Amino acid sequence: MKDTTDDVWQLTMQLKDIVEMIRAQNISVPQVAYLDVLIQEYLESRKALFPESNLKPKHHYLCHYPALTLKFGPLISYGQCASKASTVTSKDVQGI
């Protein structure tokens, strides 16, 4: 068990929550709004924890996920999310 007060562990848990919402089969409009907040908090936390490390394009792409979800529905149905849905679990993300 990790030290749950560790900042890097908290960042990992934020990312886990984001991934779980992105991979959800169903997601409501309020959940999409919450996803947007989670993503913004994650990016701010990441920048604060690792100021010497620039964000990569994939971090920026996260910002677009809520709008894409509202426009197209759950993203699990599209692209690599659909092909990986049966092979990646939240336990894989957590490294358990």
Protein backbone atom coordinates (compact mmCIF):
# COMPACT_ATOMS: atom_id res chain seq x y z
CA MET A 1 0.00 0.00 0.00
CA LYS A 2 1.31 3.42 -0.96
CA ASP A 3 1.41 6.37 1.40
CA THR A 4 -1.96 7.91 0.58
CA THR A 5 -0.75 11.36 1.59
CA ASP A 6 2.08 11.31 -0.98
CA ASP A 7 1.53 13.95 -3.68
CA VAL A 8 2.59 11.67 -6.53
CA TRP A 9 0.21 8.97 -5.27
CA GLN A 10 -2.60 11.55 -5.18
CA LEU A 11 -1.76 12.54 -8.76
CA THR A 12 -1.91 8.88 -9.78
CA MET A 13 -5.32 8.54 -8.14
CA GLN A 14 -6.53 11.64 -10.00
CA LEU A 15 -5.44 10.10 -13.28
CA LYS A 16 -7.13 6.80 -12.36
CA ASP A 17 -10.42 8.64 -11.77
CA ILE A 18 -10.08 10.41 -15.13
CA VAL A 19 -9.37 7.16 -16.99
CA GLU A 20 -12.33 5.44 -15.36
CA MET A 21 -14.66 8.25 -16.43
CA ILE A 22 -13.27 8.33 -19.98
CA ARG A 23 -13.73 4.55 -20.25
CA ALA A 24 -17.28 4.59 -18.87
CA GLN A 25 -19.95 2.94 -21.01
CA ASN A 26 -22.44 5.65 -19.96
CA ILE A 27 -21.74 9.16 -18.78
CA SER A 28 -24.19 11.92 -17.87
CA VAL A 29 -23.82 15.63 -18.58
CA PRO A 30 -23.04 16.40 -14.91
CA GLN A 31 -20.38 13.66 -14.96
CA VAL A 32 -18.82 15.23 -18.06
CA ALA A 33 -18.68 18.57 -16.23
CA TYR A 34 -17.00 16.81 -13.31
CA LEU A 35 -14.58 15.13 -15.73
CA ASP A 36 -13.60 18.58 -17.00
CA VAL A 37 -12.86 19.71 -13.42
CA LEU A 38 -10.86 16.54 -12.72
CA ILE A 39 -8.76 17.05 -15.85
CA GLN A 40 -8.02 20.70 -15.01
CA GLU A 41 -7.07 19.78 -11.44
CA TYR A 42 -4.86 16.92 -12.67
CA LEU A 43 -3.00 19.14 -15.14
CA GLU A 44 -2.49 21.87 -12.54
CA SER A 45 -1.28 19.32 -9.96
CA ARG A 46 1.07 17.74 -12.48
CA LYS A 47 2.59 21.11 -13.40
CA ALA A 48 3.04 21.97 -9.72
CA LEU A 49 4.62 18.60 -8.86
CA PHE A 50 6.89 18.45 -11.90
CA PRO A 51 7.65 22.06 -12.89
CA GLU A 52 10.78 21.03 -14.81
CA SER A 53 8.79 18.62 -16.99
CA ASN A 54 6.80 20.15 -19.84
CA LEU A 55 3.35 18.83 -20.56
CA LYS A 56 3.18 16.57 -23.59
CA PRO A 57 0.58 16.91 -26.34
CA LYS A 58 -1.37 14.00 -24.87
CA HIS A 59 -1.86 16.05 -21.72
CA HIS A 60 -3.32 18.87 -23.79
CA TYR A 61 -5.59 16.44 -25.63
CA LEU A 62 -7.17 15.54 -22.29
CA CYS A 63 -8.65 19.05 -22.21
CA HIS A 64 -10.75 18.19 -25.27
CA TYR A 65 -12.23 14.94 -23.92
CA PRO A 66 -15.22 16.51 -22.12
CA ALA A 67 -16.32 18.44 -25.24
CA LEU A 68 -15.81 15.36 -27.42
CA THR A 69 -17.82 13.27 -24.97
CA LEU A 70 -20.70 15.75 -25.11
CA LYS A 71 -20.57 15.79 -28.90
CA PHE A 72 -20.12 12.07 -29.62
CA GLY A 73 -21.06 10.24 -26.44
CA PRO A 74 -18.87 7.91 -24.38
CA LEU A 75 -15.37 7.81 -25.86
CA ILE A 76 -14.98 4.12 -25.06
CA SER A 77 -16.86 3.49 -28.32
CA TYR A 78 -14.22 5.17 -30.49
CA GLY A 79 -10.66 4.60 -31.63
CA GLN A 80 -8.15 2.85 -29.45
CA CYS A 81 -10.43 3.10 -26.43
CA ALA A 82 -12.76 0.59 -28.08
CA SER A 83 -10.01 -1.85 -29.04
CA LYS A 84 -8.35 -1.70 -25.62
CA ALA A 85 -11.56 -1.81 -23.60
CA SER A 86 -11.45 -5.56 -23.22
CA THR A 87 -7.78 -5.73 -22.29
CA VAL A 88 -7.11 -2.79 -19.95
CA THR A 89 -8.74 -2.64 -16.52
CA SER A 90 -8.58 -0.05 -13.80
CA LYS A 91 -6.31 -2.46 -11.91
CA ASP A 92 -3.87 -2.23 -14.84
CA VAL A 93 -3.88 1.56 -14.49
CA GLN A 94 -3.30 1.29 -10.74
CA GLY A 95 -0.51 -1.23 -11.21
CA ILE A 96 -2.13 -3.74 -8.87
